[in-house]
Amino acid sequence: MANSYFKFKQFTIQQDHSAMKVTTDSCLFGAWVAQEVSSKREQVKNMLDIGIGTGLLTLMIAQKNPHLIIDGIEIDNNAYIEAKENISEAGFKSEIRISNGDIYQDISGNKYDAIVCNPPFYQNELKSANSLKNLAHHDNGLLLEDLLPIIKARLTSNGRFYLLLPFKRKNEIESLFRKNLLYSTKKISVRQSVKHDHFRLLIEGKMHEDLPVKEHEISICNESADYTPEFIDLLRDYYLYL
């Protein structure tokens, strides 16, 4: 059973009532996006977190980017309540505004310099008896092919979007990007360890083609099951014992 909370150096994620728990790959994704946004500080003034969950990604990004105005939206009421508490307790200087609702029905029309999303992973696969877990982990209500047009409509002309996706959907993802006239600019293939195959894909994209696409890979652990130096570099400002 997952812990009811996950403590980082500068904030704590309470997750007792949320279906989507803190995972190592989501932490890696959050740290990577925080770094990318920080490197584009002059171009990125605001961000949208679609499916904010417990607030993990928003808080990781806000920690390194106190200048950001961040909007988040979450359809699950339990996750929304926990996100509000986690963000309030963190007390970061960033202006963070979250709402409980459906991104498909949001009519604010706001545009963003950055959009981040850790969408449901599994399509046409065996589901659990827990409807909240299905909503969080499967494509119920948030199909990738429906999400991409929303991302495109909400991005500023030079904005960037960031997605965490299963590596096995890599070819499908590229096809959906082409269909929506979206383009990958960076792709990070992630392994659990140097002994494993790739299992996650971190993507940065935009609305204009930017060649060549920068591709890289990272392993979370080495052959001795210790964190790799690259993983430590990304997570040292977050994990308690790094």
Protein backbone atom coordinates (compact mmCIF):
# COMPACT_ATOMS: atom_id res chain seq x y z
CA MET A 1 0.00 0.00 0.00
CA ALA A 2 1.29 3.47 -0.88
CA ASN A 3 2.12 5.82 1.98
CA SER A 4 -0.51 8.42 2.87
CA TYR A 5 2.08 11.16 2.34
CA PHE A 6 5.43 11.74 0.60
CA LYS A 7 7.82 14.24 2.18
CA PHE A 8 10.19 16.28 0.04
CA LYS A 9 12.81 18.81 1.17
CA GLN A 10 10.54 21.84 0.80
CA PHE A 11 7.00 20.43 0.76
CA THR A 12 4.91 17.38 1.58
CA ILE A 13 2.42 15.61 -0.67
CA GLN A 14 -0.60 14.26 1.20
CA GLN A 15 -2.10 11.55 -1.01
CA ASP A 16 -4.34 9.42 1.20
CA HIS A 17 -7.52 10.08 -0.80
CA SER A 18 -6.07 10.51 -4.29
CA ALA A 19 -6.00 7.70 -6.83
CA MET A 20 -2.77 8.95 -8.43
CA LYS A 21 0.10 8.44 -5.95
CA VAL A 22 3.63 9.84 -6.04
CA THR A 23 5.85 7.66 -8.24
CA THR A 24 9.55 7.81 -9.07
CA ASP A 25 8.88 8.50 -12.75
CA SER A 26 6.47 11.35 -11.96
CA CYS A 27 9.12 12.88 -9.67
CA LEU A 28 11.70 12.57 -12.44
CA PHE A 29 9.27 14.21 -14.86
CA GLY A 30 8.53 17.06 -12.46
CA ALA A 31 12.22 17.73 -11.83
CA TRP A 32 13.00 17.68 -15.55
CA VAL A 33 10.16 20.06 -16.43
CA ALA A 34 11.17 22.38 -13.58
CA GLN A 35 14.68 22.52 -15.01
CA GLU A 36 13.47 23.11 -18.56
CA VAL A 37 11.10 25.90 -17.50
CA SER A 38 13.84 27.51 -15.41
CA SER A 39 16.17 27.55 -18.43
CA LYS A 40 13.48 29.48 -20.37
CA ARG A 41 12.67 31.87 -17.53
CA GLU A 42 12.38 34.94 -19.77
CA GLN A 43 9.97 33.20 -22.15
CA VAL A 44 7.81 31.30 -19.65
CA LYS A 45 5.65 33.51 -17.45
CA ASN A 46 2.64 31.24 -16.89
CA MET A 47 1.83 27.53 -16.93
CA LEU A 48 -1.19 25.21 -17.00
CA ASP A 49 -1.14 21.85 -15.21
CA ILE A 50 -3.86 19.65 -16.73
CA GLY A 51 -4.95 17.00 -14.22
CA ILE A 52 -3.07 18.51 -11.29
CA GLY A 53 -3.69 15.45 -9.09
CA THR A 54 -2.15 16.00 -5.64
CA GLY A 55 -0.23 19.03 -6.91
CA LEU A 56 3.09 17.17 -7.23
CA LEU A 57 4.20 18.54 -10.62
CA THR A 58 2.99 22.06 -9.86
CA LEU A 59 4.91 22.17 -6.56
CA MET A 60 8.11 20.72 -8.04
CA ILE A 61 8.01 23.30 -10.83
CA ALA A 62 7.03 26.17 -8.51
CA GLN A 63 9.92 25.40 -6.16
CA LYS A 64 12.43 26.28 -8.89
CA ASN A 65 10.33 28.89 -10.67
CA PRO A 66 8.89 31.34 -8.11
CA HIS A 67 8.16 33.84 -10.91
CA LEU A 68 5.55 31.57 -12.52
CA ILE A 69 1.80 32.07 -12.47
CA ILE A 70 0.41 28.53 -12.43
CA ASP A 71 -3.15 27.40 -13.14
CA GLY A 72 -4.17 23.83 -12.43
CA ILE A 73 -7.37 21.90 -13.11
CA GLU A 74 -8.43 18.57 -11.61
CA ILE A 75 -11.62 16.62 -12.31
CA ASP A 76 -11.45 14.35 -9.23
CA ASN A 77 -12.77 16.13 -6.14
CA ASN A 78 -10.66 14.14 -3.65
CA ALA A 79 -7.44 14.93 -5.51
CA TYR A 80 -8.47 18.57 -5.85
CA ILE A 81 -8.99 18.90 -2.08
CA GLU A 82 -5.61 17.32 -1.34
CA ALA A 83 -3.90 19.50 -3.97
CA LYS A 84 -5.34 22.64 -2.35
CA GLU A 85 -4.03 21.53 1.05
CA ASN A 86 -0.60 20.55 -0.29
CA ILE A 87 -0.18 23.84 -2.13
CA SER A 88 -1.37 25.90 0.83
CA GLU A 89 0.99 24.12 3.23
CA ALA A 90 3.97 24.56 0.88
CA GLY A 91 3.52 28.32 0.91
CA PHE A 92 5.60 28.97 -2.23
CA LYS A 93 5.83 32.47 -3.66
CA SER A 94 4.43 31.40 -7.02
CA GLU A 95 0.86 32.43 -7.73
CA ILE A 96 -0.93 29.06 -7.94
CA ARG A 97 -4.64 28.89 -8.77
CA ILE A 98 -6.42 25.56 -9.03
CA SER A 99 -9.97 24.61 -9.95
CA ASN A 100 -12.10 21.50 -9.64
CA GLY A 101 -13.48 20.79 -13.10
CA ASP A 102 -13.23 19.20 -16.53
CA ILE A 103 -10.64 20.66 -18.93
CA TYR A 104 -13.03 19.90 -21.81
CA GLN A 105 -15.64 22.20 -20.29
CA ASP A 106 -13.28 24.98 -19.20
CA ILE A 107 -14.13 28.08 -21.24
CA SER A 108 -11.63 30.54 -19.79
CA GLY A 109 -9.71 30.65 -23.07
CA ASN A 110 -6.46 31.55 -21.27
CA LYS A 111 -3.20 31.00 -23.17
CA TYR A 112 -0.06 29.62 -21.55
CA ASP A 113 3.68 29.68 -22.20
CA ALA A 114 3.96 26.15 -20.78
CA ILE A 115 1.51 23.28 -20.35
CA VAL A 116 2.33 20.18 -18.34
CA CYS A 117 0.33 16.96 -18.15
CA ASN A 118 0.82 13.44 -16.84
CA PRO A 119 -2.17 11.94 -18.67
CA PRO A 120 -3.70 8.49 -18.10
CA PHE A 121 -1.35 5.82 -19.44
CA TYR A 122 -3.43 2.84 -20.36
CA GLN A 123 -5.76 2.42 -23.29
CA ASN A 124 -7.73 -0.77 -24.01
CA GLU A 125 -6.11 -2.56 -21.07
CA LEU A 126 -7.52 -4.40 -18.04
CA LYS A 127 -9.08 -2.01 -15.54
CA SER A 128 -9.45 -2.28 -11.77
CA ALA A 129 -12.72 -2.31 -9.83
CA ASN A 130 -11.84 1.14 -8.45
CA SER A 131 -13.45 3.82 -10.63
CA LEU A 132 -11.13 6.57 -9.32
CA LYS A 133 -8.05 4.54 -10.22
CA ASN A 134 -9.51 3.93 -13.67
CA LEU A 135 -10.01 7.67 -14.11
CA ALA A 136 -6.45 8.40 -13.02
CA HIS A 137 -4.63 5.59 -14.82
CA HIS A 138 -6.75 4.84 -17.90
CA ASP A 139 -7.92 7.01 -20.76
CA ASN A 140 -11.39 7.46 -19.24
CA GLY A 141 -12.39 11.00 -20.11
CA LEU A 142 -8.88 12.12 -21.13
CA LEU A 143 -7.96 10.45 -24.40
CA LEU A 144 -4.60 11.56 -25.73
CA GLU A 145 -6.10 12.33 -29.14
CA ASP A 146 -8.58 14.67 -27.42
CA LEU A 147 -5.97 16.20 -25.11
CA LEU A 148 -3.60 17.35 -27.86
CA PRO A 149 -6.07 19.77 -29.54
CA ILE A 150 -6.73 21.29 -26.11
CA ILE A 151 -3.01 21.74 -25.54
CA LYS A 152 -2.64 23.35 -28.96
CA ALA A 153 -5.55 25.72 -28.34
CA ARG A 154 -4.15 26.81 -24.97
CA LEU A 155 -0.49 27.34 -25.96
CA THR A 156 0.94 30.74 -26.82
CA SER A 157 2.54 30.81 -30.28
CA ASN A 158 6.00 30.02 -28.90
CA GLY A 159 4.80 27.98 -25.93
CA ARG A 160 6.08 24.54 -24.92
CA PHE A 161 4.17 21.52 -23.65
CA TYR A 162 5.48 18.66 -21.52
CA LEU A 163 4.09 15.14 -21.35
CA LEU A 164 4.95 11.98 -19.41
CA LEU A 165 3.90 8.93 -21.43
CA PRO A 166 4.52 5.17 -21.66
CA PHE A 167 7.41 4.41 -23.99
CA LYS A 168 5.45 1.66 -25.73
CA ARG A 169 3.12 4.30 -27.20
CA LYS A 170 6.00 6.22 -28.81
CA ASN A 171 5.01 5.58 -32.44
CA GLU A 172 1.34 6.27 -31.77
CA ILE A 173 2.26 9.52 -30.02
CA GLU A 174 4.34 10.75 -32.96
CA SER A 175 1.45 9.96 -35.32
CA LEU A 176 -0.97 11.94 -33.12
CA PHE A 177 1.47 14.85 -33.02
CA ARG A 178 1.65 14.98 -36.82
CA LYS A 179 -2.14 14.84 -37.04
CA ASN A 180 -2.41 17.86 -34.75
CA LEU A 181 0.55 19.75 -36.27
CA LEU A 182 2.50 19.52 -33.02
CA TYR A 183 6.20 18.76 -32.90
CA SER A 184 8.56 17.13 -30.41
CA THR A 185 11.62 19.21 -29.56
CA LYS A 186 13.08 16.96 -26.85
CA LYS A 187 12.54 13.30 -26.00
CA ILE A 188 13.99 11.57 -22.94
CA SER A 189 13.67 7.78 -22.87
CA VAL A 190 13.63 6.46 -19.30
CA ARG A 191 14.75 3.08 -17.93
CA GLN A 192 14.07 1.76 -14.42
CA SER A 193 17.71 0.67 -14.41
CA VAL A 194 20.52 0.10 -16.88
CA LYS A 195 19.35 -3.54 -17.00
CA HIS A 196 15.79 -2.69 -18.07
CA ASP A 197 14.16 -1.62 -21.33
CA HIS A 198 12.73 1.87 -21.69
CA PHE A 199 9.37 2.25 -19.95
CA ARG A 200 8.63 6.01 -19.91
CA LEU A 201 9.01 8.87 -22.35
CA LEU A 202 9.42 12.51 -21.33
CA ILE A 203 8.47 14.86 -24.14
CA GLU A 204 8.86 18.58 -24.74
CA GLY A 205 6.95 19.88 -27.75
CA LYS A 206 5.74 23.02 -29.47
CA MET A 207 3.61 24.18 -32.40
CA HIS A 208 6.55 24.82 -34.74
CA GLU A 209 9.02 22.26 -36.02
CA ASP A 210 12.45 22.63 -34.47
CA LEU A 211 15.04 20.31 -35.98
CA PRO A 212 16.96 18.35 -35.00
CA VAL A 213 14.90 16.82 -32.19
CA LYS A 214 17.11 16.42 -29.12
CA GLU A 215 16.98 12.81 -27.88
CA HIS A 216 18.51 11.48 -24.70
CA GLU A 217 18.03 8.62 -22.25
CA ILE A 218 18.27 8.30 -18.50
CA SER A 219 18.35 5.33 -16.15
CA ILE A 220 16.94 5.79 -12.67
CA CYS A 221 19.23 3.17 -11.12
CA ASN A 222 22.59 1.62 -11.99
CA GLU A 223 23.55 -2.07 -11.92
CA SER A 224 23.85 -1.94 -8.12
CA ALA A 225 20.31 -0.55 -7.75
CA ASP A 226 21.68 2.84 -6.62
CA TYR A 227 20.43 6.05 -8.18
CA THR A 228 22.47 7.14 -11.19
CA PRO A 229 24.38 10.46 -11.06
CA GLU A 230 22.04 11.96 -13.67
CA PHE A 231 18.96 11.06 -11.63
CA ILE A 232 20.58 12.47 -8.47
CA ASP A 233 21.42 15.73 -10.25
CA LEU A 234 17.77 16.21 -11.18
CA LEU A 235 16.28 15.17 -7.82
CA ARG A 236 18.82 16.41 -5.27
CA ASP A 237 16.81 19.58 -4.57
CA TYR A 238 13.69 17.51 -3.84
CA TYR A 239 14.48 14.13 -2.30
CA LEU A 240 15.29 14.19 1.44
CA TYR A 241 18.30 11.90 1.38
CA LEU A 242 20.15 13.03 -1.75
